Amino acid sequence: MSARIIVPGVESLTHFVGAEFGPGDWLTVDQARIDAFAAATGDDQWIHLDAERAQKESQFGKTVAHGYLTLALGPALHRKIFQVRNCSQIVNSGVDKLRLREPVFVGSRLRLSGKILSVRKMPRSAARVSFDLRWELEGARRPACRAEAVYIYFK
């Protein structure tokens, strides 16, 4: 069972600094998702799309998800384990200290966990929140991805 945090409102975020959340549920990264990401971004390198060639020529022996696909799954995985109520909008402000540490092979399972690093109040009753996020890869000794993600929550 994942530890989900539900914050009652933007003004309460400062009370959650240091709080850890997750891990969330596992998400399988299948070839259809990898193919769709390649089509959306134009990144059609064969190590992502050509299973036969990847089996013969890649050091991985199978197709591997794009690193940016792994990162892009963050917001969807994040909102399942961290929620701020009475929030009119959330803006992704950026990512700091991004590391792609393990390849995510086709068929791999990912889940997200995190910690609130800091909260800074902003104008218009908004709050800038910095998270330490870890994309856990089933069976791996370290996260597939780790980053400090920054979101702005508006009341």
C-alpha atoms as a PDB file:
ATOM      1  CA  MET A   1       0.000   0.000   0.000  1.00  0.00           C
ATOM      2  CA  SER A   2       1.402   3.374  -0.945  1.00  0.00           C
ATOM      3  CA  ALA A   3       1.655   6.293   1.432  1.00  0.00           C
ATOM      4  CA  ARG A   4      -0.369   9.045  -0.192  1.00  0.00           C
ATOM      5  CA  ILE A   5      -0.246  12.620   1.019  1.00  0.00           C
ATOM      6  CA  ILE A   6      -3.325  14.809   0.713  1.00  0.00           C
ATOM      7  CA  VAL A   7      -2.640  18.433   1.624  1.00  0.00           C
ATOM      8  CA  PRO A   8      -5.799  20.352   2.624  1.00  0.00           C
ATOM      9  CA  GLY A   9      -4.808  23.497   0.722  1.00  0.00           C
ATOM     10  CA  VAL A  10      -1.978  25.524  -0.762  1.00  0.00           C
ATOM     11  CA  GLU A  11      -1.575  27.495   2.473  1.00  0.00           C
ATOM     12  CA  SER A  12      -0.862  24.202   4.335  1.00  0.00           C
ATOM     13  CA  LEU A  13       2.047  23.085   2.150  1.00  0.00           C
ATOM     14  CA  THR A  14       4.704  24.555   4.473  1.00  0.00           C
ATOM     15  CA  HIS A  15       3.607  22.083   7.177  1.00  0.00           C
ATOM     16  CA  PHE A  16       4.617  19.160   4.944  1.00  0.00           C
ATOM     17  CA  VAL A  17       8.288  19.995   4.330  1.00  0.00           C
ATOM     18  CA  GLY A  18      10.290  16.818   4.872  1.00  0.00           C
ATOM     19  CA  ALA A  19       7.260  14.566   4.373  1.00  0.00           C
ATOM     20  CA  GLU A  20       7.845  11.451   2.297  1.00  0.00           C
ATOM     21  CA  PHE A  21       5.221   9.875   0.079  1.00  0.00           C
ATOM     22  CA  GLY A  22       4.868   6.778  -2.031  1.00  0.00           C
ATOM     23  CA  PRO A  23       5.772   4.500  -3.395  1.00  0.00           C
ATOM     24  CA  GLY A  24       2.855   4.513  -5.756  1.00  0.00           C
ATOM     25  CA  ASP A  25       1.475   1.660  -7.803  1.00  0.00           C
ATOM     26  CA  TRP A  26       3.583  -0.025 -10.451  1.00  0.00           C
ATOM     27  CA  LEU A  27       3.227   1.086 -14.077  1.00  0.00           C
ATOM     28  CA  THR A  28       4.370  -1.216 -16.873  1.00  0.00           C
ATOM     29  CA  VAL A  29       6.280   0.516 -19.657  1.00  0.00           C
ATOM     30  CA  ASP A  30       5.175  -1.384 -22.750  1.00  0.00           C
ATOM     31  CA  GLN A  31       6.256  -1.052 -26.359  1.00  0.00           C
ATOM     32  CA  ALA A  32       3.055   0.767 -27.330  1.00  0.00           C
ATOM     33  CA  ARG A  33       3.883   3.559 -24.848  1.00  0.00           C
ATOM     34  CA  ILE A  34       7.475   3.738 -26.111  1.00  0.00           C
ATOM     35  CA  ASP A  35       6.252   3.869 -29.729  1.00  0.00           C
ATOM     36  CA  ALA A  36       3.737   6.626 -28.909  1.00  0.00           C
ATOM     37  CA  PHE A  37       6.435   8.692 -27.188  1.00  0.00           C
ATOM     38  CA  ALA A  38       8.725   8.274 -30.209  1.00  0.00           C
ATOM     39  CA  ALA A  39       5.926   9.400 -32.531  1.00  0.00           C
ATOM     40  CA  ALA A  40       5.133  12.418 -30.350  1.00  0.00           C
ATOM     41  CA  THR A  41       8.744  13.565 -30.008  1.00  0.00           C
ATOM     42  CA  GLY A  42      10.343  12.427 -33.250  1.00  0.00           C
ATOM     43  CA  ASP A  43      12.957  10.456 -31.305  1.00  0.00           C
ATOM     44  CA  ASP A  44      12.819   7.295 -33.394  1.00  0.00           C
ATOM     45  CA  GLN A  45      16.225   5.843 -32.580  1.00  0.00           C
ATOM     46  CA  TRP A  46      16.191   2.093 -33.236  1.00  0.00           C
ATOM     47  CA  ILE A  47      17.117   1.139 -29.648  1.00  0.00           C
ATOM     48  CA  HIS A  48      13.639   2.292 -28.681  1.00  0.00           C
ATOM     49  CA  LEU A  49      11.605   0.942 -31.590  1.00  0.00           C
ATOM     50  CA  ASP A  50      13.244  -1.984 -33.373  1.00  0.00           C
ATOM     51  CA  ALA A  51      12.980  -5.065 -31.142  1.00  0.00           C
ATOM     52  CA  GLU A  52      14.724  -7.364 -33.617  1.00  0.00           C
ATOM     53  CA  ARG A  53      17.682  -5.051 -34.119  1.00  0.00           C
ATOM     54  CA  ALA A  54      17.894  -4.287 -30.410  1.00  0.00           C
ATOM     55  CA  GLN A  55      18.082  -8.010 -29.679  1.00  0.00           C
ATOM     56  CA  LYS A  56      20.974  -8.422 -32.124  1.00  0.00           C
ATOM     57  CA  GLU A  57      22.930  -5.169 -31.783  1.00  0.00           C
ATOM     58  CA  SER A  58      22.124  -3.441 -28.503  1.00  0.00           C
ATOM     59  CA  GLN A  59      24.058  -4.090 -25.309  1.00  0.00           C
ATOM     60  CA  PHE A  60      20.629  -4.303 -23.660  1.00  0.00           C
ATOM     61  CA  GLY A  61      19.280  -7.115 -25.854  1.00  0.00           C
ATOM     62  CA  LYS A  62      15.841  -5.514 -26.074  1.00  0.00           C
ATOM     63  CA  THR A  63      14.244  -2.152 -26.668  1.00  0.00           C
ATOM     64  CA  VAL A  64      14.614   0.477 -23.984  1.00  0.00           C
ATOM     65  CA  ALA A  65      12.361   3.395 -23.085  1.00  0.00           C
ATOM     66  CA  HIS A  66      13.512   6.916 -23.816  1.00  0.00           C
ATOM     67  CA  GLY A  67      15.002   8.597 -20.750  1.00  0.00           C
ATOM     68  CA  TYR A  68      12.671  11.525 -21.309  1.00  0.00           C
ATOM     69  CA  LEU A  69       9.704   9.150 -21.436  1.00  0.00           C
ATOM     70  CA  THR A  70      10.657   7.970 -17.958  1.00  0.00           C
ATOM     71  CA  LEU A  71      10.828  11.587 -16.819  1.00  0.00           C
ATOM     72  CA  ALA A  72       7.556  12.449 -18.582  1.00  0.00           C
ATOM     73  CA  LEU A  73       5.717   9.777 -16.601  1.00  0.00           C
ATOM     74  CA  GLY A  74       6.492  11.744 -13.422  1.00  0.00           C
ATOM     75  CA  PRO A  75       3.440  14.041 -13.309  1.00  0.00           C
ATOM     76  CA  ALA A  76       0.958  11.198 -13.861  1.00  0.00           C
ATOM     77  CA  LEU A  77       2.630   9.027 -11.226  1.00  0.00           C
ATOM     78  CA  HIS A  78       3.040  11.994  -8.864  1.00  0.00           C
ATOM     79  CA  ARG A  79      -0.617  13.029  -8.757  1.00  0.00           C
ATOM     80  CA  LYS A  80      -1.600   9.523  -7.655  1.00  0.00           C
ATOM     81  CA  ILE A  81       0.451   9.827  -4.448  1.00  0.00           C
ATOM     82  CA  PHE A  82       0.509  13.566  -3.765  1.00  0.00           C
ATOM     83  CA  GLN A  83      -2.481  15.876  -3.939  1.00  0.00           C
ATOM     84  CA  VAL A  84      -3.214  19.443  -2.865  1.00  0.00           C
ATOM     85  CA  ARG A  85      -6.886  20.162  -2.351  1.00  0.00           C
ATOM     86  CA  ASN A  86      -8.468  23.565  -2.993  1.00  0.00           C
ATOM     87  CA  CYS A  87      -5.859  24.227  -5.651  1.00  0.00           C
ATOM     88  CA  SER A  88      -6.958  26.004  -8.838  1.00  0.00           C
ATOM     89  CA  GLN A  89      -3.952  25.006 -10.946  1.00  0.00           C
ATOM     90  CA  ILE A  90      -0.516  23.417 -10.866  1.00  0.00           C
ATOM     91  CA  VAL A  91       2.350  24.565 -13.054  1.00  0.00           C
ATOM     92  CA  ASN A  92       5.420  22.424 -13.685  1.00  0.00           C
ATOM     93  CA  SER A  93       8.225  24.936 -13.159  1.00  0.00           C
ATOM     94  CA  GLY A  94      11.174  22.712 -14.007  1.00  0.00           C
ATOM     95  CA  VAL A  95      13.497  19.908 -13.051  1.00  0.00           C
ATOM     96  CA  ASP A  96      16.853  20.243 -11.317  1.00  0.00           C
ATOM     97  CA  LYS A  97      19.551  17.635 -10.760  1.00  0.00           C
ATOM     98  CA  LEU A  98      18.078  15.135 -13.208  1.00  0.00           C
ATOM     99  CA  ARG A  99      19.825  11.773 -13.356  1.00  0.00           C
ATOM    100  CA  LEU A 100      18.853   8.839 -15.580  1.00  0.00           C
ATOM    101  CA  ARG A 101      20.616   6.039 -13.755  1.00  0.00           C
ATOM    102  CA  GLU A 102      19.185   2.759 -15.031  1.00  0.00           C
ATOM    103  CA  PRO A 103      17.763   1.763 -18.426  1.00  0.00           C
ATOM    104  CA  VAL A 104      14.038   1.099 -18.471  1.00  0.00           C
ATOM    105  CA  PHE A 105      13.566  -1.939 -20.679  1.00  0.00           C
ATOM    106  CA  VAL A 106      10.352  -2.692 -22.500  1.00  0.00           C
ATOM    107  CA  GLY A 107       8.077  -4.509 -20.056  1.00  0.00           C
ATOM    108  CA  SER A 108       9.749  -2.960 -16.990  1.00  0.00           C
ATOM    109  CA  ARG A 109       7.689  -1.672 -14.110  1.00  0.00           C
ATOM    110  CA  LEU A 110       8.150   1.785 -12.579  1.00  0.00           C
ATOM    111  CA  ARG A 111       6.698   3.497  -9.556  1.00  0.00           C
ATOM    112  CA  LEU A 112       7.304   6.871  -7.967  1.00  0.00           C
ATOM    113  CA  SER A 113       8.191   7.945  -4.467  1.00  0.00           C
ATOM    114  CA  GLY A 114       9.268  11.306  -3.182  1.00  0.00           C
ATOM    115  CA  LYS A 115       9.911  13.820  -0.466  1.00  0.00           C
ATOM    116  CA  ILE A 116       9.031  17.491  -0.107  1.00  0.00           C
ATOM    117  CA  LEU A 117      12.313  19.394   0.056  1.00  0.00           C
ATOM    118  CA  SER A 118      11.093  22.965   0.372  1.00  0.00           C
ATOM    119  CA  VAL A 119       8.102  25.261   0.067  1.00  0.00           C
ATOM    120  CA  ARG A 120       8.350  28.941  -0.748  1.00  0.00           C
ATOM    121  CA  LYS A 121       5.338  31.218  -0.585  1.00  0.00           C
ATOM    122  CA  MET A 122       4.708  33.280  -3.705  1.00  0.00           C
ATOM    123  CA  PRO A 123       2.398  36.139  -4.721  1.00  0.00           C
ATOM    124  CA  ARG A 124      -1.302  35.463  -5.369  1.00  0.00           C
ATOM    125  CA  SER A 125      -1.460  32.815  -2.618  1.00  0.00           C
ATOM    126  CA  ALA A 126       0.756  30.461  -4.597  1.00  0.00           C
ATOM    127  CA  ALA A 127       3.502  28.164  -3.331  1.00  0.00           C
ATOM    128  CA  ARG A 128       6.646  26.909  -5.056  1.00  0.00           C
ATOM    129  CA  VAL A 129       7.343  23.334  -3.974  1.00  0.00           C
ATOM    130  CA  SER A 130      10.570  21.436  -4.602  1.00  0.00           C
ATOM    131  CA  PHE A 131      10.348  17.643  -4.524  1.00  0.00           C
ATOM    132  CA  ASP A 132      12.995  14.930  -4.492  1.00  0.00           C
ATOM    133  CA  LEU A 133      11.421  12.344  -6.822  1.00  0.00           C
ATOM    134  CA  ARG A 134      12.613   8.793  -7.410  1.00  0.00           C
ATOM    135  CA  TRP A 135      11.371   6.618 -10.262  1.00  0.00           C
ATOM    136  CA  GLU A 136      11.844   3.166  -8.759  1.00  0.00           C
ATOM    137  CA  LEU A 137      12.518   0.357 -11.210  1.00  0.00           C
ATOM    138  CA  GLU A 138      11.351  -3.074 -10.143  1.00  0.00           C
ATOM    139  CA  GLY A 139      14.325  -5.333  -9.459  1.00  0.00           C
ATOM    140  CA  ALA A 140      16.951  -2.593  -9.846  1.00  0.00           C
ATOM    141  CA  ARG A 141      19.387  -1.639  -7.104  1.00  0.00           C
ATOM    142  CA  ARG A 142      18.926   2.088  -7.699  1.00  0.00           C
ATOM    143  CA  PRO A 143      16.219   4.327  -9.161  1.00  0.00           C
ATOM    144  CA  ALA A 144      15.853   4.501 -12.929  1.00  0.00           C
ATOM    145  CA  CYS A 145      15.549   8.260 -12.581  1.00  0.00           C
ATOM    146  CA  ARG A 146      15.986  10.812  -9.843  1.00  0.00           C
ATOM    147  CA  ALA A 147      15.264  14.511  -9.995  1.00  0.00           C
ATOM    148  CA  GLU A 148      14.321  17.583  -8.063  1.00  0.00           C
ATOM    149  CA  ALA A 149      11.018  18.585  -9.584  1.00  0.00           C
ATOM    150  CA  VAL A 150       9.567  22.027  -8.975  1.00  0.00           C
ATOM    151  CA  TYR A 151       5.843  22.702  -9.097  1.00  0.00           C
ATOM    152  CA  ILE A 152       3.900  25.873  -8.391  1.00  0.00           C
ATOM    153  CA  TYR A 153       0.527  25.414  -6.733  1.00  0.00           C
ATOM    154  CA  PHE A 154      -2.066  28.179  -7.007  1.00  0.00           C
ATOM    155  CA  LYS A 155      -4.963  28.697  -4.620  1.00  0.00           C
END
